C-alpha atoms as a PDB file:
ATOM      1  CA  MET A   1       0.030  -0.076  -0.190  1.00  0.00           C
ATOM      2  CA  PRO A   2       1.268   3.967  -0.754  1.00  0.00           C
ATOM      3  CA  LEU A   3       2.499   5.701   2.274  1.00  0.00           C
ATOM      4  CA  VAL A   4      -0.033   7.793   3.816  1.00  0.00           C
ATOM      5  CA  SER A   5       0.992  11.355   4.984  1.00  0.00           C
ATOM      6  CA  THR A   6       1.067  12.069   8.508  1.00  0.00           C
ATOM      7  CA  ARG A   7      -1.312  15.218   7.729  1.00  0.00           C
ATOM      8  CA  GLU A   8      -3.750  13.022   6.536  1.00  0.00           C
ATOM      9  CA  LEU A   9      -3.853  10.130   9.242  1.00  0.00           C
ATOM     10  CA  VAL A  10      -4.096  13.288  11.635  1.00  0.00           C
ATOM     11  CA  ASP A  11      -6.571  15.179   9.877  1.00  0.00           C
ATOM     12  CA  GLU A  12      -8.442  12.083   9.914  1.00  0.00           C
ATOM     13  CA  ALA A  13      -8.217  11.453  13.707  1.00  0.00           C
ATOM     14  CA  VAL A  14      -9.155  15.465  14.440  1.00  0.00           C
ATOM     15  CA  ALA A  15     -12.585  14.702  12.434  1.00  0.00           C
ATOM     16  CA  ALA A  16     -13.269  11.630  14.053  1.00  0.00           C
ATOM     17  CA  GLY A  17     -12.437  12.856  17.437  1.00  0.00           C
ATOM     18  CA  SER A  18      -9.794  10.198  17.419  1.00  0.00           C
ATOM     19  CA  GLY A  19      -6.337   9.857  17.885  1.00  0.00           C
ATOM     20  CA  VAL A  20      -2.856   8.201  15.640  1.00  0.00           C
ATOM     21  CA  ALA A  21      -0.498   6.117  17.357  1.00  0.00           C
ATOM     22  CA  ALA A  22       3.342   7.285  16.072  1.00  0.00           C
ATOM     23  CA  PHE A  23       5.571   4.051  16.956  1.00  0.00           C
ATOM     24  CA  ASN A  24       9.257   4.905  17.251  1.00  0.00           C
ATOM     25  CA  VAL A  25      11.620   2.612  14.463  1.00  0.00           C
ATOM     26  CA  ILE A  26      15.064   1.699  15.594  1.00  0.00           C
ATOM     27  CA  THR A  27      15.903  -1.606  13.876  1.00  0.00           C
ATOM     28  CA  LEU A  28      14.095  -3.620  11.436  1.00  0.00           C
ATOM     29  CA  GLU A  29      12.264  -5.778  13.286  1.00  0.00           C
ATOM     30  CA  HIS A  30      10.656  -2.585  14.719  1.00  0.00           C
ATOM     31  CA  ALA A  31       9.085  -1.606  11.557  1.00  0.00           C
ATOM     32  CA  GLU A  32       7.885  -5.060  10.878  1.00  0.00           C
ATOM     33  CA  ALA A  33       6.263  -5.255  13.961  1.00  0.00           C
ATOM     34  CA  ILE A  34       4.549  -2.320  13.691  1.00  0.00           C
ATOM     35  CA  ALA A  35       3.285  -2.864  10.609  1.00  0.00           C
ATOM     36  CA  ALA A  36       1.727  -6.171  11.534  1.00  0.00           C
ATOM     37  CA  GLY A  37       0.668  -4.748  14.683  1.00  0.00           C
ATOM     38  CA  ALA A  38      -1.297  -1.924  12.518  1.00  0.00           C
ATOM     39  CA  GLU A  39      -2.986  -4.893  10.107  1.00  0.00           C
ATOM     40  CA  ARG A  40      -3.808  -7.072  13.418  1.00  0.00           C
ATOM     41  CA  ALA A  41      -5.556  -3.699  14.865  1.00  0.00           C
ATOM     42  CA  GLY A  42      -7.190  -2.831  11.531  1.00  0.00           C
ATOM     43  CA  ARG A  43      -5.605   1.174  12.474  1.00  0.00           C
ATOM     44  CA  PRO A  44      -3.422   3.071  10.478  1.00  0.00           C
ATOM     45  CA  ALA A  45      -0.175   4.048  12.376  1.00  0.00           C
ATOM     46  CA  ILE A  46       2.865   6.256  12.061  1.00  0.00           C
ATOM     47  CA  LEU A  47       6.213   4.786  11.878  1.00  0.00           C
ATOM     48  CA  GLN A  48       8.845   7.305  13.399  1.00  0.00           C
ATOM     49  CA  ILE A  49      12.719   7.374  13.062  1.00  0.00           C
ATOM     50  CA  SER A  50      14.448   9.442  14.873  1.00  0.00           C
ATOM     51  CA  GLU A  51      17.662  11.600  15.001  1.00  0.00           C
ATOM     52  CA  ASN A  52      19.231   9.323  17.657  1.00  0.00           C
ATOM     53  CA  ALA A  53      17.958   6.144  15.487  1.00  0.00           C
ATOM     54  CA  VAL A  54      19.744   7.809  12.042  1.00  0.00           C
ATOM     55  CA  ALA A  55      23.110   8.221  14.290  1.00  0.00           C
ATOM     56  CA  PHE A  56      22.535   4.788  15.398  1.00  0.00           C
ATOM     57  CA  HIS A  57      22.812   3.628  12.235  1.00  0.00           C
ATOM     58  CA  GLY A  58      25.754   5.651  11.302  1.00  0.00           C
ATOM     59  CA  GLY A  59      24.662   8.914  10.845  1.00  0.00           C
ATOM     60  CA  ARG A  60      22.762   7.595   7.559  1.00  0.00           C
ATOM     61  CA  LEU A  61      19.743   8.643   6.791  1.00  0.00           C
ATOM     62  CA  ALA A  62      18.786   7.034   3.567  1.00  0.00           C
ATOM     63  CA  PRO A  63      19.167   3.015   4.280  1.00  0.00           C
ATOM     64  CA  VAL A  64      16.874   2.996   7.377  1.00  0.00           C
ATOM     65  CA  ALA A  65      14.485   5.521   5.926  1.00  0.00           C
ATOM     66  CA  ALA A  66      14.410   3.362   2.590  1.00  0.00           C
ATOM     67  CA  ALA A  67      13.835   0.077   4.872  1.00  0.00           C
ATOM     68  CA  THR A  68      11.199   1.431   7.022  1.00  0.00           C
ATOM     69  CA  ALA A  69       9.379   2.954   4.006  1.00  0.00           C
ATOM     70  CA  ALA A  70       9.437  -0.581   1.908  1.00  0.00           C
ATOM     71  CA  VAL A  71       7.994  -2.452   5.104  1.00  0.00           C
ATOM     72  CA  ALA A  72       5.250   0.093   4.993  1.00  0.00           C
ATOM     73  CA  ARG A  73       4.628  -0.429   1.550  1.00  0.00           C
ATOM     74  CA  ALA A  74       4.465  -3.765   1.569  1.00  0.00           C
ATOM     75  CA  SER A  75       1.857  -3.868   4.601  1.00  0.00           C
ATOM     76  CA  GLY A  76      -1.950  -4.012   4.062  1.00  0.00           C
ATOM     77  CA  ALA A  77      -2.118  -0.922   6.763  1.00  0.00           C
ATOM     78  CA  ARG A  78      -2.178   2.498   6.053  1.00  0.00           C
ATOM     79  CA  LEU A  79       1.061   3.884   7.516  1.00  0.00           C
ATOM     80  CA  GLY A  80       2.746   7.073   7.381  1.00  0.00           C
ATOM     81  CA  LEU A  81       6.914   7.717   7.827  1.00  0.00           C
ATOM     82  CA  HIS A  82       7.842  10.557   9.948  1.00  0.00           C
ATOM     83  CA  LEU A  83      11.234  12.008  10.999  1.00  0.00           C
ATOM     84  CA  ASP A  84      11.274  12.763  14.856  1.00  0.00           C
ATOM     85  CA  HIS A  85      13.072  14.761  17.304  1.00  0.00           C
ATOM     86  CA  VAL A  86      15.309  16.288  14.401  1.00  0.00           C
ATOM     87  CA  VAL A  87      17.931  18.954  15.824  1.00  0.00           C
ATOM     88  CA  SER A  88      19.956  18.950  12.594  1.00  0.00           C
ATOM     89  CA  PRO A  89      19.044  21.322   9.649  1.00  0.00           C
ATOM     90  CA  ALA A  90      20.395  19.221   7.235  1.00  0.00           C
ATOM     91  CA  LEU A  91      18.607  16.269   8.196  1.00  0.00           C
ATOM     92  CA  VAL A  92      15.276  18.279   7.887  1.00  0.00           C
ATOM     93  CA  GLU A  93      16.540  19.172   4.547  1.00  0.00           C
ATOM     94  CA  ALA A  94      17.009  15.531   3.468  1.00  0.00           C
ATOM     95  CA  ALA A  95      13.642  14.479   4.570  1.00  0.00           C
ATOM     96  CA  PRO A  96      11.592  14.872   1.206  1.00  0.00           C
ATOM     97  CA  ALA A  97      13.956  12.867  -0.709  1.00  0.00           C
ATOM     98  CA  ALA A  98      14.007  10.197   1.548  1.00  0.00           C
ATOM     99  CA  GLY A  99      10.276   9.369   1.342  1.00  0.00           C
ATOM    100  CA  PHE A 100       9.264  11.214   4.808  1.00  0.00           C
ATOM    101  CA  GLY A 101       6.046  13.163   4.811  1.00  0.00           C
ATOM    102  CA  SER A 102       6.406  14.729   8.148  1.00  0.00           C
ATOM    103  CA  VAL A 103       9.363  15.636  10.598  1.00  0.00           C
ATOM    104  CA  MET A 104       9.548  17.079  14.332  1.00  0.00           C
ATOM    105  CA  VAL A 105      11.538  20.182  14.765  1.00  0.00           C
ATOM    106  CA  ASP A 106      13.351  19.606  18.170  1.00  0.00           C
ATOM    107  CA  ALA A 107      14.973  23.088  18.945  1.00  0.00           C
ATOM    108  CA  SER A 108      13.866  22.983  21.934  1.00  0.00           C
ATOM    109  CA  LYS A 109      17.206  23.165  23.864  1.00  0.00           C
ATOM    110  CA  LEU A 110      17.456  26.804  22.533  1.00  0.00           C
ATOM    111  CA  PRO A 111      16.726  29.612  24.152  1.00  0.00           C
ATOM    112  CA  TYR A 112      13.100  30.852  23.224  1.00  0.00           C
ATOM    113  CA  GLY A 113      14.018  33.388  20.785  1.00  0.00           C
ATOM    114  CA  GLN A 114      16.533  31.295  18.579  1.00  0.00           C
ATOM    115  CA  ASN A 115      13.979  27.957  18.938  1.00  0.00           C
ATOM    116  CA  VAL A 116      11.386  30.438  17.238  1.00  0.00           C
ATOM    117  CA  ALA A 117      13.552  31.544  14.941  1.00  0.00           C
ATOM    118  CA  ARG A 118      15.017  27.989  13.712  1.00  0.00           C
ATOM    119  CA  THR A 119      11.504  26.361  14.030  1.00  0.00           C
ATOM    120  CA  ALA A 120      10.069  29.148  11.555  1.00  0.00           C
ATOM    121  CA  GLU A 121      12.832  28.799   9.556  1.00  0.00           C
ATOM    122  CA  LEU A 122      12.696  25.110   9.016  1.00  0.00           C
ATOM    123  CA  VAL A 123       9.125  25.186   8.721  1.00  0.00           C
ATOM    124  CA  ASP A 124       9.058  27.433   5.819  1.00  0.00           C
ATOM    125  CA  PHE A 125      11.307  24.949   4.297  1.00  0.00           C
ATOM    126  CA  GLY A 126       8.974  21.832   5.172  1.00  0.00           C
ATOM    127  CA  HIS A 127       5.985  23.662   3.998  1.00  0.00           C
ATOM    128  CA  ARG A 128       7.833  24.406   0.800  1.00  0.00           C
ATOM    129  CA  HIS A 129       8.405  20.794   0.135  1.00  0.00           C
ATOM    130  CA  GLY A 130       5.362  19.322   1.221  1.00  0.00           C
ATOM    131  CA  LEU A 131       6.482  18.128   5.102  1.00  0.00           C
ATOM    132  CA  TRP A 132       3.739  18.337   8.001  1.00  0.00           C
ATOM    133  CA  VAL A 133       5.882  20.021  10.585  1.00  0.00           C
ATOM    134  CA  GLU A 134       5.820  19.066  14.433  1.00  0.00           C
ATOM    135  CA  ALA A 135       7.425  21.171  17.022  1.00  0.00           C
ATOM    136  CA  GLU A 136       7.964  21.146  20.854  1.00  0.00           C
ATOM    137  CA  LEU A 137       8.331  24.145  23.244  1.00  0.00           C
ATOM    138  CA  GLY A 138      10.930  23.070  25.906  1.00  0.00           C
ATOM    139  CA  ARG A 139      12.489  19.886  26.197  1.00  0.00           C
ATOM    140  CA  VAL A 140      10.987  16.832  26.816  1.00  0.00           C
ATOM    141  CA  GLY A 141      12.201  14.771  29.761  1.00  0.00           C
ATOM    142  CA  GLY A 142      14.286  11.356  29.881  1.00  0.00           C
ATOM    143  CA  LYS A 143      16.594  11.883  26.688  1.00  0.00           C
ATOM    144  CA  ASP A 144      19.994  10.710  27.290  1.00  0.00           C
ATOM    145  CA  GLY A 145      20.047  12.216  31.122  1.00  0.00           C
ATOM    146  CA  GLU A 146      19.399  15.140  30.568  1.00  0.00           C
ATOM    147  CA  PRO A 147      18.132  16.868  33.370  1.00  0.00           C
ATOM    148  CA  PRO A 148      14.320  17.416  34.879  1.00  0.00           C
ATOM    149  CA  LEU A 149      13.815  20.590  33.308  1.00  0.00           C
ATOM    150  CA  ASP A 150      12.420  19.120  30.130  1.00  0.00           C
ATOM    151  CA  ALA A 151       8.614  19.714  28.677  1.00  0.00           C
ATOM    152  CA  HIS A 152       7.486  16.542  29.664  1.00  0.00           C
ATOM    153  CA  ALA A 153       9.351  16.038  33.120  1.00  0.00           C
ATOM    154  CA  PRO A 154       7.174  15.443  36.133  1.00  0.00           C
ATOM    155  CA  GLY A 155       5.793  18.826  37.092  1.00  0.00           C
ATOM    156  CA  VAL A 156       6.799  21.214  33.975  1.00  0.00           C
ATOM    157  CA  ARG A 157       3.605  21.802  32.269  1.00  0.00           C
ATOM    158  CA  THR A 158       3.090  23.918  28.756  1.00  0.00           C
ATOM    159  CA  ASP A 159       1.499  27.506  29.393  1.00  0.00           C
ATOM    160  CA  PRO A 160      -1.373  27.738  26.819  1.00  0.00           C
ATOM    161  CA  ALA A 161      -1.060  31.284  26.403  1.00  0.00           C
ATOM    162  CA  GLU A 162       2.288  30.596  25.521  1.00  0.00           C
ATOM    163  CA  ALA A 163       2.131  27.509  23.441  1.00  0.00           C
ATOM    164  CA  ALA A 164      -0.729  29.572  21.584  1.00  0.00           C
ATOM    165  CA  ALA A 165       1.977  32.568  20.877  1.00  0.00           C
ATOM    166  CA  TYR A 166       4.837  29.674  19.589  1.00  0.00           C
ATOM    167  CA  VAL A 167       2.431  28.300  17.355  1.00  0.00           C
ATOM    168  CA  ALA A 168       1.779  31.481  15.597  1.00  0.00           C
ATOM    169  CA  ALA A 169       5.322  32.924  15.564  1.00  0.00           C
ATOM    170  CA  THR A 170       6.489  29.730  14.004  1.00  0.00           C
ATOM    171  CA  GLY A 171       3.596  28.459  11.665  1.00  0.00           C
ATOM    172  CA  VAL A 172       3.946  24.492  13.026  1.00  0.00           C
ATOM    173  CA  ASP A 173       1.479  21.747  11.736  1.00  0.00           C
ATOM    174  CA  ALA A 174       1.194  20.148  15.155  1.00  0.00           C
ATOM    175  CA  LEU A 175       2.594  20.767  18.672  1.00  0.00           C
ATOM    176  CA  ALA A 176       4.136  18.582  21.662  1.00  0.00           C
ATOM    177  CA  VAL A 177       3.345  19.787  24.923  1.00  0.00           C
ATOM    178  CA  ALA A 178       3.573  19.218  28.449  1.00  0.00           C
ATOM    179  CA  VAL A 179       1.029  17.771  30.491  1.00  0.00           C
ATOM    180  CA  GLY A 180       2.780  14.981  32.757  1.00  0.00           C
ATOM    181  CA  SER A 181       4.641  12.453  30.203  1.00  0.00           C
ATOM    182  CA  SER A 182       8.200  11.734  30.246  1.00  0.00           C
ATOM    183  CA  HIS A 183      10.090  10.034  27.753  1.00  0.00           C
ATOM    184  CA  ALA A 184      11.981   6.517  28.386  1.00  0.00           C
ATOM    185  CA  MET A 185       9.216   5.731  31.057  1.00  0.00           C
ATOM    186  CA  THR A 186       9.518   1.429  31.495  1.00  0.00           C
ATOM    187  CA  GLU A 187       6.370   1.198  34.021  1.00  0.00           C
ATOM    188  CA  ARG A 188       3.120   2.978  33.074  1.00  0.00           C
ATOM    189  CA  THR A 189       2.661   5.495  35.827  1.00  0.00           C
ATOM    190  CA  ALA A 190       2.195   8.758  34.388  1.00  0.00           C
ATOM    191  CA  ALA A 191      -1.063  11.203  35.893  1.00  0.00           C
ATOM    192  CA  LEU A 192      -2.107  13.197  33.013  1.00  0.00           C
ATOM    193  CA  ASP A 193      -3.330  17.043  33.413  1.00  0.00           C
ATOM    194  CA  HIS A 194      -6.335  16.496  31.752  1.00  0.00           C
ATOM    195  CA  GLU A 195      -7.712  20.061  32.268  1.00  0.00           C
ATOM    196  CA  LEU A 196      -4.690  21.534  30.967  1.00  0.00           C
ATOM    197  CA  ILE A 197      -4.978  19.434  28.116  1.00  0.00           C
ATOM    198  CA  HIS A 198      -8.485  20.866  27.601  1.00  0.00           C
ATOM    199  CA  ARG A 199      -7.322  24.393  27.796  1.00  0.00           C
ATOM    200  CA  LEU A 200      -4.341  23.651  25.710  1.00  0.00           C
ATOM    201  CA  ARG A 201      -7.030  22.157  22.820  1.00  0.00           C
ATOM    202  CA  ALA A 202      -8.727  25.531  23.603  1.00  0.00           C
ATOM    203  CA  SER A 203      -6.297  27.972  23.226  1.00  0.00           C
ATOM    204  CA  VAL A 204      -3.604  26.170  20.371  1.00  0.00           C
ATOM    205  CA  PRO A 205      -5.235  26.278  16.781  1.00  0.00           C
ATOM    206  CA  VAL A 206      -2.927  23.218  15.625  1.00  0.00           C
ATOM    207  CA  PRO A 207      -3.088  19.350  16.557  1.00  0.00           C
ATOM    208  CA  LEU A 208      -1.647  18.429  20.056  1.00  0.00           C
ATOM    209  CA  VAL A 209       1.058  15.616  20.309  1.00  0.00           C
ATOM    210  CA  LEU A 210       1.626  13.503  23.872  1.00  0.00           C
ATOM    211  CA  HIS A 211       5.315  12.490  23.834  1.00  0.00           C
ATOM    212  CA  GLY A 212       6.602   9.925  26.391  1.00  0.00           C
ATOM    213  CA  SER A 213       3.275   7.701  26.253  1.00  0.00           C
ATOM    214  CA  SER A 214       4.834   4.512  26.722  1.00  0.00           C
ATOM    215  CA  GLY A 215       4.767   5.370  30.497  1.00  0.00           C
ATOM    216  CA  VAL A 216       0.500   6.475  30.502  1.00  0.00           C
ATOM    217  CA  PRO A 217      -1.578   3.991  31.680  1.00  0.00           C
ATOM    218  CA  ASP A 218      -4.509   2.861  29.288  1.00  0.00           C
ATOM    219  CA  ASP A 219      -7.347   4.610  30.573  1.00  0.00           C
ATOM    220  CA  GLU A 220      -4.981   8.114  31.483  1.00  0.00           C
ATOM    221  CA  ILE A 221      -4.186   7.739  27.255  1.00  0.00           C
ATOM    222  CA  ARG A 222      -8.001   7.477  26.297  1.00  0.00           C
ATOM    223  CA  ALA A 223      -8.767  10.589  28.680  1.00  0.00           C
ATOM    224  CA  ALA A 224      -6.049  12.243  27.022  1.00  0.00           C
ATOM    225  CA  ILE A 225      -7.801  11.609  23.713  1.00  0.00           C
ATOM    226  CA  ALA A 226     -11.000  12.751  24.698  1.00  0.00           C
ATOM    227  CA  ALA A 227      -9.656  16.193  26.239  1.00  0.00           C
ATOM    228  CA  GLY A 228      -7.786  17.000  22.768  1.00  0.00           C
ATOM    229  CA  MET A 229      -4.391  14.690  22.004  1.00  0.00           C
ATOM    230  CA  VAL A 230      -4.183  13.758  19.062  1.00  0.00           C
ATOM    231  CA  LYS A 231      -0.891  12.274  17.889  1.00  0.00           C
ATOM    232  CA  ILE A 232       0.178   9.697  20.634  1.00  0.00           C
ATOM    233  CA  ASN A 233       3.913   8.383  20.447  1.00  0.00           C
ATOM    234  CA  VAL A 234       5.145   5.243  21.474  1.00  0.00           C
ATOM    235  CA  GLY A 235       8.798   4.095  21.981  1.00  0.00           C
ATOM    236  CA  THR A 236      10.173   2.824  24.824  1.00  0.00           C
ATOM    237  CA  ALA A 237       7.251   0.287  25.297  1.00  0.00           C
ATOM    238  CA  LEU A 238       8.458  -1.430  22.032  1.00  0.00           C
ATOM    239  CA  ASN A 239      12.038  -1.738  23.524  1.00  0.00           C
ATOM    240  CA  THR A 240      10.791  -3.215  26.849  1.00  0.00           C
ATOM    241  CA  ALA A 241       8.599  -5.985  25.105  1.00  0.00           C
ATOM    242  CA  PHE A 242      11.870  -6.535  22.616  1.00  0.00           C
ATOM    243  CA  THR A 243      14.197  -6.634  25.343  1.00  0.00           C
ATOM    244  CA  ALA A 244      11.992  -8.978  27.475  1.00  0.00           C
ATOM    245  CA  ALA A 245      11.487 -11.358  24.872  1.00  0.00           C
ATOM    246  CA  VAL A 246      15.170 -11.669  23.759  1.00  0.00           C
ATOM    247  CA  ARG A 247      16.301 -12.041  27.437  1.00  0.00           C
ATOM    248  CA  ALA A 248      13.507 -14.714  28.110  1.00  0.00           C
ATOM    249  CA  GLU A 249      14.827 -16.787  24.842  1.00  0.00           C
ATOM    250  CA  LEU A 250      18.280 -16.369  25.774  1.00  0.00           C
ATOM    251  CA  THR A 251      17.903 -17.545  29.194  1.00  0.00           C
ATOM    252  CA  ALA A 252      15.631 -20.385  28.545  1.00  0.00           C
ATOM    253  CA  ARG A 253      18.216 -21.304  25.409  1.00  0.00           C
ATOM    254  CA  PRO A 254      21.614 -20.070  26.127  1.00  0.00           C
ATOM    255  CA  ASP A 255      23.189 -22.129  23.622  1.00  0.00           C
ATOM    256  CA  VAL A 256      21.527 -20.517  21.144  1.00  0.00           C
ATOM    257  CA  VAL A 257      23.384 -18.293  18.343  1.00  0.00           C
ATOM    258  CA  ASP A 258      21.238 -17.787  15.369  1.00  0.00           C
ATOM    259  CA  PRO A 259      19.700 -14.197  16.037  1.00  0.00           C
ATOM    260  CA  ARG A 260      16.675 -14.958  14.154  1.00  0.00           C
ATOM    261  CA  LYS A 261      15.844 -17.550  16.933  1.00  0.00           C
ATOM    262  CA  TYR A 262      15.362 -14.265  19.659  1.00  0.00           C
ATOM    263  CA  LEU A 263      14.578 -11.892  17.196  1.00  0.00           C
ATOM    264  CA  ALA A 264      11.360 -13.556  16.046  1.00  0.00           C
ATOM    265  CA  PRO A 265       9.628 -13.778  19.657  1.00  0.00           C
ATOM    266  CA  ALA A 266      11.031  -9.979  19.972  1.00  0.00           C
ATOM    267  CA  ARG A 267       9.330  -8.869  16.937  1.00  0.00           C
ATOM    268  CA  GLU A 268       6.171 -11.068  17.686  1.00  0.00           C
ATOM    269  CA  ALA A 269       6.343  -8.699  21.307  1.00  0.00           C
ATOM    270  CA  MET A 270       6.487  -5.461  19.721  1.00  0.00           C
ATOM    271  CA  ALA A 271       3.545  -6.266  17.297  1.00  0.00           C
ATOM    272  CA  THR A 272       1.618  -7.521  20.429  1.00  0.00           C
ATOM    273  CA  THR A 273       2.319  -4.075  21.832  1.00  0.00           C
ATOM    274  CA  VAL A 274       1.861  -1.875  18.709  1.00  0.00           C
ATOM    275  CA  ALA A 275      -1.763  -4.048  18.677  1.00  0.00           C
ATOM    276  CA  GLU A 276      -2.822  -3.303  21.959  1.00  0.00           C
ATOM    277  CA  PHE A 277      -1.520   0.608  22.024  1.00  0.00           C
ATOM    278  CA  LEU A 278      -3.883   0.777  18.863  1.00  0.00           C
ATOM    279  CA  ALA A 279      -6.866  -0.981  20.751  1.00  0.00           C
ATOM    280  CA  LEU A 280      -6.948   2.001  22.829  1.00  0.00           C
ATOM    281  CA  LEU A 281      -8.045   4.748  20.295  1.00  0.00           C
ATOM    282  CA  PRO A 282     -11.657   5.305  19.713  1.00  0.00           C
ATOM    283  CA  ALA A 283     -12.884   4.151  16.352  1.00  0.00           C
END
């Protein structure tokens, strides 16, 4: 099936009062698992490749993007391709030729004025090249040991008036907001500020994005979507499932040396996780 743009998937979710899930890709098995999980659930999804994942693959975008896009096109599910948490302007500029329909510009480590200027510049580039552009105001917690003054660290919240001003100044198509989730959570214990989500939805004229959704319980995700969240990002939950399956297989069969013997159950565990997250989204 041809790739579907993130814009189309998000617009459909907004119109339906639902959400669309975006899952992080690190290995080929991640991409295959996301496609399989989406097919089982009968729901669309977005495959995300972060700048960190590109760095893991030697800093070369084209191979991992091509492999992920090929998996998506071979799937019976409607899947989009998104480049996530991009700090490098050069990587944003490489996105259209690599097949991406959207990018998340991450200028959140810069002072506010520089964040706005960098983001607005890359939004302009993105729109001229057909990209849907997401950004965030402030840093999201838990990435590579960054200190907890990030946008999605516990206790940090996005101010609705500041968010509205940021969107107006940058022209972004979607905004990741801080409402109580955090990256890299391995336990689903986050409590979201649903009243704030309502206020943000009323103040910000673009779809809202929830980063760090792996740490958010099922009922909290459902309530967040009902309150106005649209794009739901999931990464660590796949890695947790992958690693647990690999560990179990190697513990049970310590003589195994063929990676297919442990990557197959790891891929299956991730596919199950994807299907379970997709089942949370309103039809």
